[in-house]
């Protein structure tokens, strides 16, 4: 059953999709991936919907892949989490009201616009667990941010605040705690007043302009994943995470 994992609210041309697995920090297993993919299919295919807003219940936007999964779940149309590799016809706004870490941050990077409240942190903590960011973070982060800031996120595993993310252009609108969804709706209304066909054509052009870099980014990511896939540090990092202790890296 997946119907409760994504809450859907449609009004005034906006389809709001709310991740609803708060007890697991909205981490993606197969069921949540399939539910989000199905909801994003509706966004793209139903002409009543002009803009999507992606939000989440609970204190965390998303922690990314559920580490009980052997790999990040994917769907044929959307790729990882049902969204990472999706070719969308409608704009998607991330309304972030809690930390977006690992794959959660990669989901934010897959959206077109980002609204965040001041409690939010964005980060890629994979290296602390002996793994690498495998859902676009290794090349979308330097695309959205200055290369040295991207390197800081990827190599330290530390998060940056919403204020810093807004200052460097990752966040379109910064709002007070609890205000991200309302701010996202206001941003969506600014899009909806425009020509639907022109918005779709412009969105496609923006995506196609990024294709050359993304075409190189995915093979580079696969190589990084292959380099750590069977290394003992991967097992140690994940075990340490579940056991709530610092990892012990062999030197």
C-alpha atoms as a PDB file:
ATOM      1  CA  UNK A   1       0.000   0.000   0.000  1.00  0.00           C
ATOM      2  CA  UNK A   2       1.434   3.375  -1.049  1.00  0.00           C
ATOM      3  CA  UNK A   3      -1.549   5.725  -0.940  1.00  0.00           C
ATOM      4  CA  UNK A   4      -0.628   7.242   2.437  1.00  0.00           C
ATOM      5  CA  UNK A   5       3.069   7.697   1.738  1.00  0.00           C
ATOM      6  CA  UNK A   6       2.455  10.715  -0.502  1.00  0.00           C
ATOM      7  CA  UNK A   7      -0.276  13.189   0.391  1.00  0.00           C
ATOM      8  CA  UNK A   8      -1.688  14.962  -2.675  1.00  0.00           C
ATOM      9  CA  UNK A   9      -3.446  18.326  -2.603  1.00  0.00           C
ATOM     10  CA  UNK A  10      -4.619  20.019  -5.812  1.00  0.00           C
ATOM     11  CA  UNK A  11      -5.800  23.637  -5.930  1.00  0.00           C
ATOM     12  CA  UNK A  12      -5.609  26.515  -8.409  1.00  0.00           C
ATOM     13  CA  UNK A  13      -3.324  24.653 -10.812  1.00  0.00           C
ATOM     14  CA  UNK A  14      -0.856  23.598  -8.096  1.00  0.00           C
ATOM     15  CA  UNK A  15      -0.386  19.945  -7.168  1.00  0.00           C
ATOM     16  CA  UNK A  16       1.266  19.660  -3.768  1.00  0.00           C
ATOM     17  CA  UNK A  17       2.973  16.362  -2.999  1.00  0.00           C
ATOM     18  CA  UNK A  18       3.913  15.750   0.622  1.00  0.00           C
ATOM     19  CA  UNK A  19       6.349  13.017   1.649  1.00  0.00           C
ATOM     20  CA  UNK A  20       4.658  11.202   4.503  1.00  0.00           C
ATOM     21  CA  UNK A  21       7.107   8.810   6.105  1.00  0.00           C
ATOM     22  CA  UNK A  22       8.167  11.016   9.026  1.00  0.00           C
ATOM     23  CA  UNK A  23       8.951   8.124  11.362  1.00  0.00           C
ATOM     24  CA  UNK A  24      11.768   7.136   8.992  1.00  0.00           C
ATOM     25  CA  UNK A  25      12.869  10.740   8.310  1.00  0.00           C
ATOM     26  CA  UNK A  26      11.151  10.442   4.907  1.00  0.00           C
ATOM     27  CA  UNK A  27      13.874   8.045   3.788  1.00  0.00           C
ATOM     28  CA  UNK A  28      13.121   6.363   0.489  1.00  0.00           C
ATOM     29  CA  UNK A  29      12.364   2.683   0.308  1.00  0.00           C
ATOM     30  CA  UNK A  30      10.711   0.973  -2.658  1.00  0.00           C
ATOM     31  CA  UNK A  31       7.185   1.894  -1.560  1.00  0.00           C
ATOM     32  CA  UNK A  32       7.874   5.615  -1.105  1.00  0.00           C
ATOM     33  CA  UNK A  33       9.755   5.719  -4.406  1.00  0.00           C
ATOM     34  CA  UNK A  34       6.848   4.148  -6.276  1.00  0.00           C
ATOM     35  CA  UNK A  35       4.378   6.483  -4.573  1.00  0.00           C
ATOM     36  CA  UNK A  36       6.329   9.624  -5.489  1.00  0.00           C
ATOM     37  CA  UNK A  37       6.872   8.427  -9.040  1.00  0.00           C
ATOM     38  CA  UNK A  38       3.149   7.823  -9.463  1.00  0.00           C
ATOM     39  CA  UNK A  39       2.334  11.278  -8.064  1.00  0.00           C
ATOM     40  CA  UNK A  40       4.845  12.960 -10.388  1.00  0.00           C
ATOM     41  CA  UNK A  41       3.323  11.051 -13.316  1.00  0.00           C
ATOM     42  CA  UNK A  42       0.024  12.686 -12.391  1.00  0.00           C
ATOM     43  CA  UNK A  43       1.674  16.116 -12.255  1.00  0.00           C
ATOM     44  CA  UNK A  44       3.134  15.711 -15.736  1.00  0.00           C
ATOM     45  CA  UNK A  45       0.148  14.013 -17.379  1.00  0.00           C
ATOM     46  CA  UNK A  46      -2.859  15.914 -16.003  1.00  0.00           C
ATOM     47  CA  UNK A  47      -3.348  19.264 -17.776  1.00  0.00           C
ATOM     48  CA  UNK A  48      -5.204  20.614 -14.725  1.00  0.00           C
ATOM     49  CA  UNK A  49      -1.859  20.735 -12.902  1.00  0.00           C
ATOM     50  CA  UNK A  50       0.453  23.568 -13.920  1.00  0.00           C
ATOM     51  CA  UNK A  51       3.110  23.510 -11.166  1.00  0.00           C
ATOM     52  CA  UNK A  52       4.159  20.978  -8.552  1.00  0.00           C
ATOM     53  CA  UNK A  53       5.239  21.656  -4.976  1.00  0.00           C
ATOM     54  CA  UNK A  54       7.197  18.960  -3.164  1.00  0.00           C
ATOM     55  CA  UNK A  55       7.053  19.167   0.631  1.00  0.00           C
ATOM     56  CA  UNK A  56       7.371  16.778   3.565  1.00  0.00           C
ATOM     57  CA  UNK A  57       5.734  15.976   6.876  1.00  0.00           C
ATOM     58  CA  UNK A  58       7.838  15.767  10.015  1.00  0.00           C
ATOM     59  CA  UNK A  59      11.012  17.502  11.154  1.00  0.00           C
ATOM     60  CA  UNK A  60      13.179  16.219   8.261  1.00  0.00           C
ATOM     61  CA  UNK A  61      12.551  16.924   4.576  1.00  0.00           C
ATOM     62  CA  UNK A  62      14.288  13.694   3.589  1.00  0.00           C
ATOM     63  CA  UNK A  63      17.324  11.679   4.611  1.00  0.00           C
ATOM     64  CA  UNK A  64      17.542  10.115   1.143  1.00  0.00           C
ATOM     65  CA  UNK A  65      17.877   6.379   0.683  1.00  0.00           C
ATOM     66  CA  UNK A  66      16.678   4.120   3.472  1.00  0.00           C
ATOM     67  CA  UNK A  67      19.920   2.348   4.353  1.00  0.00           C
ATOM     68  CA  UNK A  68      18.017  -0.914   4.685  1.00  0.00           C
ATOM     69  CA  UNK A  69      17.769  -0.797   0.881  1.00  0.00           C
ATOM     70  CA  UNK A  70      20.652  -2.355  -1.113  1.00  0.00           C
ATOM     71  CA  UNK A  71      20.657   0.655  -3.460  1.00  0.00           C
ATOM     72  CA  UNK A  72      18.636   3.799  -4.097  1.00  0.00           C
ATOM     73  CA  UNK A  73      15.233   2.607  -5.393  1.00  0.00           C
ATOM     74  CA  UNK A  74      14.391   3.813  -8.905  1.00  0.00           C
ATOM     75  CA  UNK A  75      11.547   3.752 -11.413  1.00  0.00           C
ATOM     76  CA  UNK A  76      11.712   3.536 -15.233  1.00  0.00           C
ATOM     77  CA  UNK A  77      10.204   6.979 -15.768  1.00  0.00           C
ATOM     78  CA  UNK A  78      11.726   8.906 -12.894  1.00  0.00           C
ATOM     79  CA  UNK A  79      15.009   7.248 -12.021  1.00  0.00           C
ATOM     80  CA  UNK A  80      16.135   7.229  -8.397  1.00  0.00           C
ATOM     81  CA  UNK A  81      13.336   8.028  -5.919  1.00  0.00           C
ATOM     82  CA  UNK A  82      11.053   8.461  -8.955  1.00  0.00           C
ATOM     83  CA  UNK A  83      12.348  12.020  -9.488  1.00  0.00           C
ATOM     84  CA  UNK A  84      16.143  12.249  -9.913  1.00  0.00           C
ATOM     85  CA  UNK A  85      16.314  11.494 -13.660  1.00  0.00           C
ATOM     86  CA  UNK A  86      12.776  12.482 -14.580  1.00  0.00           C
ATOM     87  CA  UNK A  87      12.182  14.553 -17.707  1.00  0.00           C
ATOM     88  CA  UNK A  88       9.392  16.824 -16.478  1.00  0.00           C
ATOM     89  CA  UNK A  89       6.957  19.004 -18.396  1.00  0.00           C
ATOM     90  CA  UNK A  90       5.823  20.975 -15.345  1.00  0.00           C
ATOM     91  CA  UNK A  91       7.967  23.041 -12.955  1.00  0.00           C
ATOM     92  CA  UNK A  92       8.621  21.463  -9.558  1.00  0.00           C
ATOM     93  CA  UNK A  93       9.277  23.617  -6.480  1.00  0.00           C
ATOM     94  CA  UNK A  94      10.907  22.134  -3.380  1.00  0.00           C
ATOM     95  CA  UNK A  95       9.307  23.517  -0.206  1.00  0.00           C
ATOM     96  CA  UNK A  96      11.869  22.560   2.425  1.00  0.00           C
ATOM     97  CA  UNK A  97      11.020  22.866   6.121  1.00  0.00           C
ATOM     98  CA  UNK A  98      13.590  20.500   7.598  1.00  0.00           C
ATOM     99  CA  UNK A  99      17.064  19.141   6.864  1.00  0.00           C
ATOM    100  CA  UNK A 100      17.603  17.830   3.336  1.00  0.00           C
ATOM    101  CA  UNK A 101      20.556  15.483   3.561  1.00  0.00           C
ATOM    102  CA  UNK A 102      22.148  12.975   1.228  1.00  0.00           C
ATOM    103  CA  UNK A 103      19.549  11.832  -1.250  1.00  0.00           C
ATOM    104  CA  UNK A 104      17.164  14.373   0.256  1.00  0.00           C
ATOM    105  CA  UNK A 105      19.483  17.131  -0.910  1.00  0.00           C
ATOM    106  CA  UNK A 106      19.814  15.403  -4.290  1.00  0.00           C
ATOM    107  CA  UNK A 107      16.023  15.538  -4.596  1.00  0.00           C
ATOM    108  CA  UNK A 108      16.174  19.283  -3.937  1.00  0.00           C
ATOM    109  CA  UNK A 109      18.838  19.569  -6.664  1.00  0.00           C
ATOM    110  CA  UNK A 110      16.477  17.763  -9.055  1.00  0.00           C
ATOM    111  CA  UNK A 111      13.786  20.421  -8.535  1.00  0.00           C
ATOM    112  CA  UNK A 112      13.587  23.639 -10.553  1.00  0.00           C
ATOM    113  CA  UNK A 113      13.114  26.105  -7.702  1.00  0.00           C
ATOM    114  CA  UNK A 114      13.780  25.927  -3.962  1.00  0.00           C
ATOM    115  CA  UNK A 115      11.993  27.578  -1.048  1.00  0.00           C
ATOM    116  CA  UNK A 116      13.395  26.923   2.417  1.00  0.00           C
ATOM    117  CA  UNK A 117      12.850  28.071   5.959  1.00  0.00           C
ATOM    118  CA  UNK A 118      15.619  29.198   8.259  1.00  0.00           C
ATOM    119  CA  UNK A 119      15.795  25.881  10.147  1.00  0.00           C
ATOM    120  CA  UNK A 120      16.966  23.968   7.081  1.00  0.00           C
ATOM    121  CA  UNK A 121      20.380  22.481   6.427  1.00  0.00           C
ATOM    122  CA  UNK A 122      21.556  21.044   3.116  1.00  0.00           C
ATOM    123  CA  UNK A 123      24.298  18.437   3.022  1.00  0.00           C
ATOM    124  CA  UNK A 124      25.852  15.341   1.504  1.00  0.00           C
ATOM    125  CA  UNK A 125      27.037  13.231   4.473  1.00  0.00           C
ATOM    126  CA  UNK A 126      27.752  10.116   2.402  1.00  0.00           C
ATOM    127  CA  UNK A 127      31.543  10.182   2.931  1.00  0.00           C
ATOM    128  CA  UNK A 128      30.969   9.865   6.677  1.00  0.00           C
ATOM    129  CA  UNK A 129      29.296   6.520   5.971  1.00  0.00           C
ATOM    130  CA  UNK A 130      31.900   5.166   3.557  1.00  0.00           C
ATOM    131  CA  UNK A 131      29.725   5.754   0.492  1.00  0.00           C
ATOM    132  CA  UNK A 132      29.379   8.458  -2.164  1.00  0.00           C
ATOM    133  CA  UNK A 133      26.517  10.644  -3.379  1.00  0.00           C
ATOM    134  CA  UNK A 134      25.077   8.509  -6.160  1.00  0.00           C
ATOM    135  CA  UNK A 135      21.911  10.369  -7.194  1.00  0.00           C
ATOM    136  CA  UNK A 136      23.344  13.383  -8.987  1.00  0.00           C
ATOM    137  CA  UNK A 137      24.988  15.175  -6.090  1.00  0.00           C
ATOM    138  CA  UNK A 138      28.535  14.788  -7.399  1.00  0.00           C
ATOM    139  CA  UNK A 139      27.798  16.862 -10.498  1.00  0.00           C
ATOM    140  CA  UNK A 140      24.642  18.832  -9.711  1.00  0.00           C
ATOM    141  CA  UNK A 141      26.184  20.370  -6.591  1.00  0.00           C
ATOM    142  CA  UNK A 142      29.053  22.043  -8.534  1.00  0.00           C
ATOM    143  CA  UNK A 143      26.523  23.013 -11.215  1.00  0.00           C
ATOM    144  CA  UNK A 144      24.351  24.883  -8.683  1.00  0.00           C
ATOM    145  CA  UNK A 145      27.136  26.137  -6.400  1.00  0.00           C
ATOM    146  CA  UNK A 146      30.681  27.439  -6.734  1.00  0.00           C
ATOM    147  CA  UNK A 147      33.086  24.497  -7.236  1.00  0.00           C
ATOM    148  CA  UNK A 148      34.939  25.090  -3.965  1.00  0.00           C
ATOM    149  CA  UNK A 149      31.691  25.186  -1.972  1.00  0.00           C
ATOM    150  CA  UNK A 150      30.545  22.025  -3.742  1.00  0.00           C
ATOM    151  CA  UNK A 151      33.838  20.392  -2.785  1.00  0.00           C
ATOM    152  CA  UNK A 152      33.295  21.446   0.838  1.00  0.00           C
ATOM    153  CA  UNK A 153      29.889  19.744   0.902  1.00  0.00           C
ATOM    154  CA  UNK A 154      31.030  16.582  -0.895  1.00  0.00           C
ATOM    155  CA  UNK A 155      34.358  16.088   0.930  1.00  0.00           C
ATOM    156  CA  UNK A 156      33.522  17.130   4.510  1.00  0.00           C
ATOM    157  CA  UNK A 157      30.021  15.715   4.688  1.00  0.00           C
ATOM    158  CA  UNK A 158      29.011  18.840   6.608  1.00  0.00           C
ATOM    159  CA  UNK A 159      25.766  20.685   5.931  1.00  0.00           C
ATOM    160  CA  UNK A 160      25.322  24.362   5.131  1.00  0.00           C
ATOM    161  CA  UNK A 161      22.548  26.511   6.527  1.00  0.00           C
ATOM    162  CA  UNK A 162      19.576  27.757   4.554  1.00  0.00           C
ATOM    163  CA  UNK A 163      20.912  31.300   4.949  1.00  0.00           C
ATOM    164  CA  UNK A 164      24.208  30.355   3.335  1.00  0.00           C
ATOM    165  CA  UNK A 165      22.405  28.393   0.617  1.00  0.00           C
ATOM    166  CA  UNK A 166      20.264  31.441  -0.143  1.00  0.00           C
ATOM    167  CA  UNK A 167      23.303  33.735  -0.197  1.00  0.00           C
ATOM    168  CA  UNK A 168      24.974  31.586  -2.869  1.00  0.00           C
ATOM    169  CA  UNK A 169      21.839  31.255  -4.986  1.00  0.00           C
ATOM    170  CA  UNK A 170      20.718  27.694  -4.263  1.00  0.00           C
ATOM    171  CA  UNK A 171      17.566  28.837  -2.430  1.00  0.00           C
ATOM    172  CA  UNK A 172      15.188  31.138  -4.327  1.00  0.00           C
ATOM    173  CA  UNK A 173      13.175  32.237  -1.304  1.00  0.00           C
ATOM    174  CA  UNK A 174      14.114  32.100   2.369  1.00  0.00           C
ATOM    175  CA  UNK A 175      11.251  32.258   4.857  1.00  0.00           C
ATOM    176  CA  UNK A 176      10.469  31.966   8.535  1.00  0.00           C
ATOM    177  CA  UNK A 177       9.986  28.504  10.090  1.00  0.00           C
ATOM    178  CA  UNK A 178       6.828  26.837   8.823  1.00  0.00           C
ATOM    179  CA  UNK A 179       6.393  29.239   5.920  1.00  0.00           C
ATOM    180  CA  UNK A 180       7.951  27.325   3.044  1.00  0.00           C
ATOM    181  CA  UNK A 181       4.758  25.862   1.618  1.00  0.00           C
ATOM    182  CA  UNK A 182       2.963  29.213   1.555  1.00  0.00           C
ATOM    183  CA  UNK A 183       5.991  30.830  -0.068  1.00  0.00           C
ATOM    184  CA  UNK A 184       6.132  28.007  -2.626  1.00  0.00           C
ATOM    185  CA  UNK A 185       2.454  28.521  -3.505  1.00  0.00           C
ATOM    186  CA  UNK A 186       3.089  32.235  -4.047  1.00  0.00           C
ATOM    187  CA  UNK A 187       6.031  31.391  -6.302  1.00  0.00           C
ATOM    188  CA  UNK A 188       3.885  28.863  -8.189  1.00  0.00           C
ATOM    189  CA  UNK A 189       1.210  31.534  -8.725  1.00  0.00           C
ATOM    190  CA  UNK A 190       3.803  33.728 -10.405  1.00  0.00           C
ATOM    191  CA  UNK A 191       4.502  30.890 -12.844  1.00  0.00           C
ATOM    192  CA  UNK A 192       0.852  29.978 -13.441  1.00  0.00           C
ATOM    193  CA  UNK A 193      -0.039  33.460 -14.705  1.00  0.00           C
ATOM    194  CA  UNK A 194       2.189  32.827 -17.723  1.00  0.00           C
ATOM    195  CA  UNK A 195       1.607  30.857 -20.929  1.00  0.00           C
ATOM    196  CA  UNK A 196       1.538  27.105 -20.155  1.00  0.00           C
ATOM    197  CA  UNK A 197       3.132  26.258 -23.491  1.00  0.00           C
ATOM    198  CA  UNK A 198       5.873  28.860 -23.089  1.00  0.00           C
ATOM    199  CA  UNK A 199       6.639  27.632 -19.559  1.00  0.00           C
ATOM    200  CA  UNK A 200       6.882  24.023 -20.762  1.00  0.00           C
ATOM    201  CA  UNK A 201       9.100  24.963 -23.706  1.00  0.00           C
ATOM    202  CA  UNK A 202      11.358  27.062 -21.481  1.00  0.00           C
ATOM    203  CA  UNK A 203      11.605  24.294 -18.880  1.00  0.00           C
ATOM    204  CA  UNK A 204      12.606  21.842 -21.605  1.00  0.00           C
ATOM    205  CA  UNK A 205      15.265  24.223 -22.916  1.00  0.00           C
ATOM    206  CA  UNK A 206      16.736  24.699 -19.444  1.00  0.00           C
ATOM    207  CA  UNK A 207      16.930  20.926 -19.008  1.00  0.00           C
ATOM    208  CA  UNK A 208      18.453  20.339 -22.440  1.00  0.00           C
ATOM    209  CA  UNK A 209      21.132  22.953 -21.771  1.00  0.00           C
ATOM    210  CA  UNK A 210      22.291  20.838 -18.811  1.00  0.00           C
ATOM    211  CA  UNK A 211      22.335  17.543 -20.720  1.00  0.00           C
ATOM    212  CA  UNK A 212      26.021  17.668 -21.803  1.00  0.00           C
ATOM    213  CA  UNK A 213      27.235  18.078 -18.215  1.00  0.00           C
ATOM    214  CA  UNK A 214      24.797  15.483 -16.902  1.00  0.00           C
ATOM    215  CA  UNK A 215      25.799  13.086 -19.661  1.00  0.00           C
ATOM    216  CA  UNK A 216      29.347  13.172 -18.288  1.00  0.00           C
ATOM    217  CA  UNK A 217      28.235  13.278 -14.662  1.00  0.00           C
ATOM    218  CA  UNK A 218      26.408   9.966 -14.549  1.00  0.00           C
ATOM    219  CA  UNK A 219      29.346   7.827 -15.815  1.00  0.00           C
ATOM    220  CA  UNK A 220      31.659   9.627 -13.364  1.00  0.00           C
ATOM    221  CA  UNK A 221      29.206   8.857 -10.565  1.00  0.00           C
ATOM    222  CA  UNK A 222      28.996   5.190 -11.575  1.00  0.00           C
ATOM    223  CA  UNK A 223      32.798   4.996 -11.428  1.00  0.00           C
ATOM    224  CA  UNK A 224      32.818   6.508  -7.934  1.00  0.00           C
ATOM    225  CA  UNK A 225      30.138   4.067  -6.770  1.00  0.00           C
ATOM    226  CA  UNK A 226      32.096   1.135  -8.216  1.00  0.00           C
ATOM    227  CA  UNK A 227      35.236   2.276  -6.383  1.00  0.00           C
ATOM    228  CA  UNK A 228      33.560   2.011  -2.966  1.00  0.00           C
ATOM    229  CA  UNK A 229      30.922  -0.655  -3.554  1.00  0.00           C
ATOM    230  CA  UNK A 230      32.863  -3.619  -2.128  1.00  0.00           C
ATOM    231  CA  UNK A 231      35.327  -1.735   0.059  1.00  0.00           C
ATOM    232  CA  UNK A 232      35.260  -2.664   3.770  1.00  0.00           C
ATOM    233  CA  UNK A 233      34.925   1.016   4.706  1.00  0.00           C
ATOM    234  CA  UNK A 234      31.450   1.007   3.170  1.00  0.00           C
ATOM    235  CA  UNK A 235      30.330  -1.798   5.484  1.00  0.00           C
ATOM    236  CA  UNK A 236      31.967  -0.097   8.471  1.00  0.00           C
ATOM    237  CA  UNK A 237      30.366   3.266   7.722  1.00  0.00           C
ATOM    238  CA  UNK A 238      26.886   1.824   7.415  1.00  0.00           C
ATOM    239  CA  UNK A 239      27.320  -0.366  10.511  1.00  0.00           C
ATOM    240  CA  UNK A 240      28.499   2.651  12.505  1.00  0.00           C
ATOM    241  CA  UNK A 241      25.451   4.615  11.372  1.00  0.00           C
ATOM    242  CA  UNK A 242      23.034   1.939  12.579  1.00  0.00           C
ATOM    243  CA  UNK A 243      24.989   1.445  15.806  1.00  0.00           C
ATOM    244  CA  UNK A 244      25.085   5.215  16.438  1.00  0.00           C
ATOM    245  CA  UNK A 245      28.863   5.349  16.892  1.00  0.00           C
ATOM    246  CA  UNK A 246      31.784   6.999  15.082  1.00  0.00           C
ATOM    247  CA  UNK A 247      33.165   4.832  12.287  1.00  0.00           C
ATOM    248  CA  UNK A 248      36.612   3.294  12.676  1.00  0.00           C
ATOM    249  CA  UNK A 249      38.501   3.674   9.408  1.00  0.00           C
ATOM    250  CA  UNK A 250      41.496   1.406   8.804  1.00  0.00           C
ATOM    251  CA  UNK A 251      44.608   3.451   7.932  1.00  0.00           C
END
